[in-house]
Amino acid sequence: MAAFADLAMGTAPILGGILLALFAGNVKGGPDVRAAIKADMDLLERLPPEQTERRAALQNSIDMRIDDLVAGVDRARDLRDFALSYQGNLRDVLMFLCTLAFAVVWWHVDHDRVRWLPLFVALILLAALSGFSAARALRRSWLDRHDHSRDD
């Protein structure tokens, strides 16, 4: 039973990082702007026509929220286009080298530590994954350069 507890304690930082990454990808923050605009438009319809100053101020607030919503959609589209076009070749190679270097350093740590084996296995898996990603990135970069040299 102590071995199971040691294994759980050794993998806790790795699993915590995975959970954090999953959580960060699914969190949608901020207020619901569309619902606020809808509520303000409903309020604008209920205001009597003789309250022109309030109606104008509320209409101005609605217009600003709509402009912010459109600007946010445009920024999100630009960011998504940039993210999809980013090749990340150097980043993938550096990630592989850093993971490999950390695995080598971890190999030289005392093997009698309780958390040594789970972290070393995780490092080997991460090195393999980042190595695969780096190889794909380098191959894609080489093919892109090779195809461009044929076009000239």
C-alpha atoms as a PDB file:
ATOM      1  CA  MET A   1       0.000   0.000   0.000  1.00  0.00           C
ATOM      2  CA  ALA A   2       2.907   2.332   0.687  1.00  0.00           C
ATOM      3  CA  ALA A   3       4.192   1.771  -2.847  1.00  0.00           C
ATOM      4  CA  PHE A   4       0.837   2.840  -4.271  1.00  0.00           C
ATOM      5  CA  ALA A   5       0.869   5.995  -2.153  1.00  0.00           C
ATOM      6  CA  ASP A   6       4.418   6.751  -3.285  1.00  0.00           C
ATOM      7  CA  LEU A   7       3.405   6.234  -6.911  1.00  0.00           C
ATOM      8  CA  ALA A   8       0.431   8.557  -6.459  1.00  0.00           C
ATOM      9  CA  MET A   9       2.630  11.203  -4.859  1.00  0.00           C
ATOM     10  CA  GLY A  10       5.167  10.875  -7.666  1.00  0.00           C
ATOM     11  CA  THR A  11       2.630  11.318 -10.431  1.00  0.00           C
ATOM     12  CA  ALA A  12       0.672  14.101  -8.702  1.00  0.00           C
ATOM     13  CA  PRO A  13       2.681  16.983 -10.248  1.00  0.00           C
ATOM     14  CA  ILE A  14       2.362  15.479 -13.724  1.00  0.00           C
ATOM     15  CA  LEU A  15      -1.364  14.856 -13.392  1.00  0.00           C
ATOM     16  CA  GLY A  16      -1.816  18.317 -11.888  1.00  0.00           C
ATOM     17  CA  GLY A  17      -0.146  19.869 -14.924  1.00  0.00           C
ATOM     18  CA  ILE A  18      -2.350  17.852 -17.272  1.00  0.00           C
ATOM     19  CA  LEU A  19      -5.491  18.845 -15.373  1.00  0.00           C
ATOM     20  CA  LEU A  20      -4.421  22.493 -15.401  1.00  0.00           C
ATOM     21  CA  ALA A  21      -3.893  22.371 -19.160  1.00  0.00           C
ATOM     22  CA  LEU A  22      -7.289  20.752 -19.698  1.00  0.00           C
ATOM     23  CA  PHE A  23      -9.000  23.227 -17.397  1.00  0.00           C
ATOM     24  CA  ALA A  24      -7.310  26.226 -19.019  1.00  0.00           C
ATOM     25  CA  GLY A  25      -8.513  25.092 -22.434  1.00  0.00           C
ATOM     26  CA  ASN A  26     -12.139  24.821 -21.342  1.00  0.00           C
ATOM     27  CA  VAL A  27     -12.576  27.917 -19.208  1.00  0.00           C
ATOM     28  CA  LYS A  28     -14.649  30.668 -20.702  1.00  0.00           C
ATOM     29  CA  GLY A  29     -14.487  33.764 -18.590  1.00  0.00           C
ATOM     30  CA  GLY A  30     -16.218  37.070 -18.560  1.00  0.00           C
ATOM     31  CA  PRO A  31     -19.827  38.116 -18.507  1.00  0.00           C
ATOM     32  CA  ASP A  32     -22.320  37.123 -21.181  1.00  0.00           C
ATOM     33  CA  VAL A  33     -22.228  40.244 -23.333  1.00  0.00           C
ATOM     34  CA  ARG A  34     -25.027  39.103 -25.629  1.00  0.00           C
ATOM     35  CA  ALA A  35     -27.398  38.596 -22.701  1.00  0.00           C
ATOM     36  CA  ALA A  36     -26.487  42.043 -21.345  1.00  0.00           C
ATOM     37  CA  ILE A  37     -27.181  43.637 -24.744  1.00  0.00           C
ATOM     38  CA  LYS A  38     -30.504  41.822 -24.960  1.00  0.00           C
ATOM     39  CA  ALA A  39     -31.468  42.969 -21.449  1.00  0.00           C
ATOM     40  CA  ASP A  40     -30.495  46.565 -22.255  1.00  0.00           C
ATOM     41  CA  MET A  41     -32.513  46.507 -25.491  1.00  0.00           C
ATOM     42  CA  ASP A  42     -35.508  45.205 -23.562  1.00  0.00           C
ATOM     43  CA  LEU A  43     -35.043  47.995 -21.030  1.00  0.00           C
ATOM     44  CA  LEU A  44     -34.765  50.540 -23.856  1.00  0.00           C
ATOM     45  CA  GLU A  45     -38.119  49.396 -25.253  1.00  0.00           C
ATOM     46  CA  ARG A  46     -39.750  49.798 -21.831  1.00  0.00           C
ATOM     47  CA  LEU A  47     -38.489  53.327 -21.240  1.00  0.00           C
ATOM     48  CA  PRO A  48     -41.084  55.968 -22.060  1.00  0.00           C
ATOM     49  CA  PRO A  49     -40.323  57.988 -25.211  1.00  0.00           C
ATOM     50  CA  GLU A  50     -40.271  61.270 -23.276  1.00  0.00           C
ATOM     51  CA  GLN A  51     -37.100  60.211 -21.366  1.00  0.00           C
ATOM     52  CA  THR A  52     -34.861  61.105 -24.260  1.00  0.00           C
ATOM     53  CA  GLU A  53     -31.658  61.578 -22.242  1.00  0.00           C
ATOM     54  CA  ARG A  54     -31.904  58.164 -20.613  1.00  0.00           C
ATOM     55  CA  ARG A  55     -32.846  56.507 -23.898  1.00  0.00           C
ATOM     56  CA  ALA A  56     -29.879  58.149 -25.637  1.00  0.00           C
ATOM     57  CA  ALA A  57     -27.470  57.137 -22.863  1.00  0.00           C
ATOM     58  CA  LEU A  58     -28.774  53.566 -22.876  1.00  0.00           C
ATOM     59  CA  GLN A  59     -28.606  53.413 -26.669  1.00  0.00           C
ATOM     60  CA  ASN A  60     -25.024  54.682 -26.498  1.00  0.00           C
ATOM     61  CA  SER A  61     -24.181  51.937 -23.973  1.00  0.00           C
ATOM     62  CA  ILE A  62     -25.757  49.297 -26.215  1.00  0.00           C
ATOM     63  CA  ASP A  63     -23.838  50.581 -29.233  1.00  0.00           C
ATOM     64  CA  MET A  64     -20.540  50.462 -27.329  1.00  0.00           C
ATOM     65  CA  ARG A  65     -21.193  46.880 -26.194  1.00  0.00           C
ATOM     66  CA  ILE A  66     -22.036  45.821 -29.736  1.00  0.00           C
ATOM     67  CA  ASP A  67     -18.853  47.492 -31.019  1.00  0.00           C
ATOM     68  CA  ASP A  68     -16.823  45.699 -28.322  1.00  0.00           C
ATOM     69  CA  LEU A  69     -18.444  42.389 -29.276  1.00  0.00           C
ATOM     70  CA  VAL A  70     -17.617  42.865 -32.970  1.00  0.00           C
ATOM     71  CA  ALA A  71     -14.049  43.924 -32.129  1.00  0.00           C
ATOM     72  CA  GLY A  72     -13.647  40.857 -29.900  1.00  0.00           C
ATOM     73  CA  VAL A  73     -14.824  38.552 -32.687  1.00  0.00           C
ATOM     74  CA  ASP A  74     -12.359  40.200 -35.087  1.00  0.00           C
ATOM     75  CA  ARG A  75      -9.488  39.830 -32.592  1.00  0.00           C
ATOM     76  CA  ALA A  76     -10.382  36.188 -31.968  1.00  0.00           C
ATOM     77  CA  ARG A  77     -10.450  35.511 -35.715  1.00  0.00           C
ATOM     78  CA  ASP A  78      -7.056  37.195 -36.206  1.00  0.00           C
ATOM     79  CA  LEU A  79      -5.590  35.258 -33.288  1.00  0.00           C
ATOM     80  CA  ARG A  80      -7.006  31.979 -34.583  1.00  0.00           C
ATOM     81  CA  ASP A  81      -5.609  32.651 -38.076  1.00  0.00           C
ATOM     82  CA  PHE A  82      -2.188  33.421 -36.592  1.00  0.00           C
ATOM     83  CA  ALA A  83      -2.271  30.300 -34.421  1.00  0.00           C
ATOM     84  CA  LEU A  84      -3.229  28.106 -37.363  1.00  0.00           C
ATOM     85  CA  SER A  85      -0.528  29.580 -39.591  1.00  0.00           C
ATOM     86  CA  TYR A  86       2.239  29.315 -36.973  1.00  0.00           C
ATOM     87  CA  GLN A  87       4.666  26.509 -37.801  1.00  0.00           C
ATOM     88  CA  GLY A  88       6.577  26.483 -34.505  1.00  0.00           C
ATOM     89  CA  ASN A  89       9.607  24.645 -35.863  1.00  0.00           C
ATOM     90  CA  LEU A  90      12.167  26.150 -33.509  1.00  0.00           C
ATOM     91  CA  ARG A  91       9.851  25.852 -30.522  1.00  0.00           C
ATOM     92  CA  ASP A  92       9.355  22.123 -31.118  1.00  0.00           C
ATOM     93  CA  VAL A  93      13.083  21.460 -31.464  1.00  0.00           C
ATOM     94  CA  LEU A  94      13.861  23.473 -28.310  1.00  0.00           C
ATOM     95  CA  MET A  95      11.132  21.639 -26.398  1.00  0.00           C
ATOM     96  CA  PHE A  96      12.640  18.304 -27.423  1.00  0.00           C
ATOM     97  CA  LEU A  97      16.155  19.380 -26.445  1.00  0.00           C
ATOM     98  CA  CYS A  98      15.017  20.746 -23.072  1.00  0.00           C
ATOM     99  CA  THR A  99      12.989  17.637 -22.300  1.00  0.00           C
ATOM    100  CA  LEU A 100      15.914  15.439 -23.263  1.00  0.00           C
ATOM    101  CA  ALA A 101      18.321  17.522 -21.169  1.00  0.00           C
ATOM    102  CA  PHE A 102      16.024  17.328 -18.156  1.00  0.00           C
ATOM    103  CA  ALA A 103      15.733  13.544 -18.595  1.00  0.00           C
ATOM    104  CA  VAL A 104      19.534  13.276 -18.612  1.00  0.00           C
ATOM    105  CA  VAL A 105      19.769  15.424 -15.488  1.00  0.00           C
ATOM    106  CA  TRP A 106      17.041  13.385 -13.806  1.00  0.00           C
ATOM    107  CA  TRP A 107      18.913  10.169 -14.669  1.00  0.00           C
ATOM    108  CA  HIS A 108      21.806  11.367 -12.527  1.00  0.00           C
ATOM    109  CA  VAL A 109      19.559  12.018  -9.516  1.00  0.00           C
ATOM    110  CA  ASP A 110      19.593   9.399  -6.756  1.00  0.00           C
ATOM    111  CA  HIS A 111      17.475   6.461  -8.000  1.00  0.00           C
ATOM    112  CA  ASP A 112      16.371   5.586  -4.473  1.00  0.00           C
ATOM    113  CA  ARG A 113      14.051   8.569  -4.341  1.00  0.00           C
ATOM    114  CA  VAL A 114      10.407   7.612  -4.145  1.00  0.00           C
ATOM    115  CA  ARG A 115       9.273   9.778  -7.050  1.00  0.00           C
ATOM    116  CA  TRP A 116      12.215   9.049  -9.335  1.00  0.00           C
ATOM    117  CA  LEU A 117      10.697   6.334 -11.537  1.00  0.00           C
ATOM    118  CA  PRO A 118       7.275   7.917 -12.309  1.00  0.00           C
ATOM    119  CA  LEU A 119       8.861  11.197 -13.282  1.00  0.00           C
ATOM    120  CA  PHE A 120      11.550   9.481 -15.360  1.00  0.00           C
ATOM    121  CA  VAL A 121       8.918   7.477 -17.260  1.00  0.00           C
ATOM    122  CA  ALA A 122       6.924  10.662 -17.832  1.00  0.00           C
ATOM    123  CA  LEU A 123      10.062  12.416 -19.079  1.00  0.00           C
ATOM    124  CA  ILE A 124      10.769   9.599 -21.529  1.00  0.00           C
ATOM    125  CA  LEU A 125       7.193   9.786 -22.831  1.00  0.00           C
ATOM    126  CA  LEU A 126       7.373  13.584 -23.114  1.00  0.00           C
ATOM    127  CA  ALA A 127      10.733  13.353 -24.873  1.00  0.00           C
ATOM    128  CA  ALA A 128       9.269  10.878 -27.368  1.00  0.00           C
ATOM    129  CA  LEU A 129       6.226  13.069 -27.961  1.00  0.00           C
ATOM    130  CA  SER A 130       8.247  16.258 -28.343  1.00  0.00           C
ATOM    131  CA  GLY A 131      10.783  14.409 -30.542  1.00  0.00           C
ATOM    132  CA  PHE A 132       7.988  13.276 -32.828  1.00  0.00           C
ATOM    133  CA  SER A 133       6.642  16.824 -32.984  1.00  0.00           C
ATOM    134  CA  ALA A 134      10.112  18.244 -33.681  1.00  0.00           C
ATOM    135  CA  ALA A 135      10.754  15.682 -36.414  1.00  0.00           C
ATOM    136  CA  ARG A 136       7.437  16.553 -38.065  1.00  0.00           C
ATOM    137  CA  ALA A 137       8.211  20.268 -37.838  1.00  0.00           C
ATOM    138  CA  LEU A 138      11.694  19.848 -39.301  1.00  0.00           C
ATOM    139  CA  ARG A 139      10.381  17.609 -42.079  1.00  0.00           C
ATOM    140  CA  ARG A 140       7.652  20.130 -42.912  1.00  0.00           C
ATOM    141  CA  SER A 141      10.196  22.947 -42.925  1.00  0.00           C
ATOM    142  CA  TRP A 142      12.565  20.975 -45.151  1.00  0.00           C
ATOM    143  CA  LEU A 143       9.762  20.078 -47.566  1.00  0.00           C
ATOM    144  CA  ASP A 144       8.617  23.700 -47.726  1.00  0.00           C
ATOM    145  CA  ARG A 145      12.142  24.893 -48.565  1.00  0.00           C
ATOM    146  CA  HIS A 146      12.622  22.076 -51.034  1.00  0.00           C
ATOM    147  CA  ASP A 147       9.336  22.825 -52.833  1.00  0.00           C
ATOM    148  CA  HIS A 148      10.187  26.542 -53.026  1.00  0.00           C
ATOM    149  CA  SER A 149      13.588  25.797 -54.534  1.00  0.00           C
ATOM    150  CA  ARG A 150      11.901  23.812 -57.335  1.00  0.00           C
ATOM    151  CA  ASP A 151       9.579  26.725 -58.094  1.00  0.00           C
ATOM    152  CA  ASP A 152      12.550  29.063 -58.731  1.00  0.00           C
END
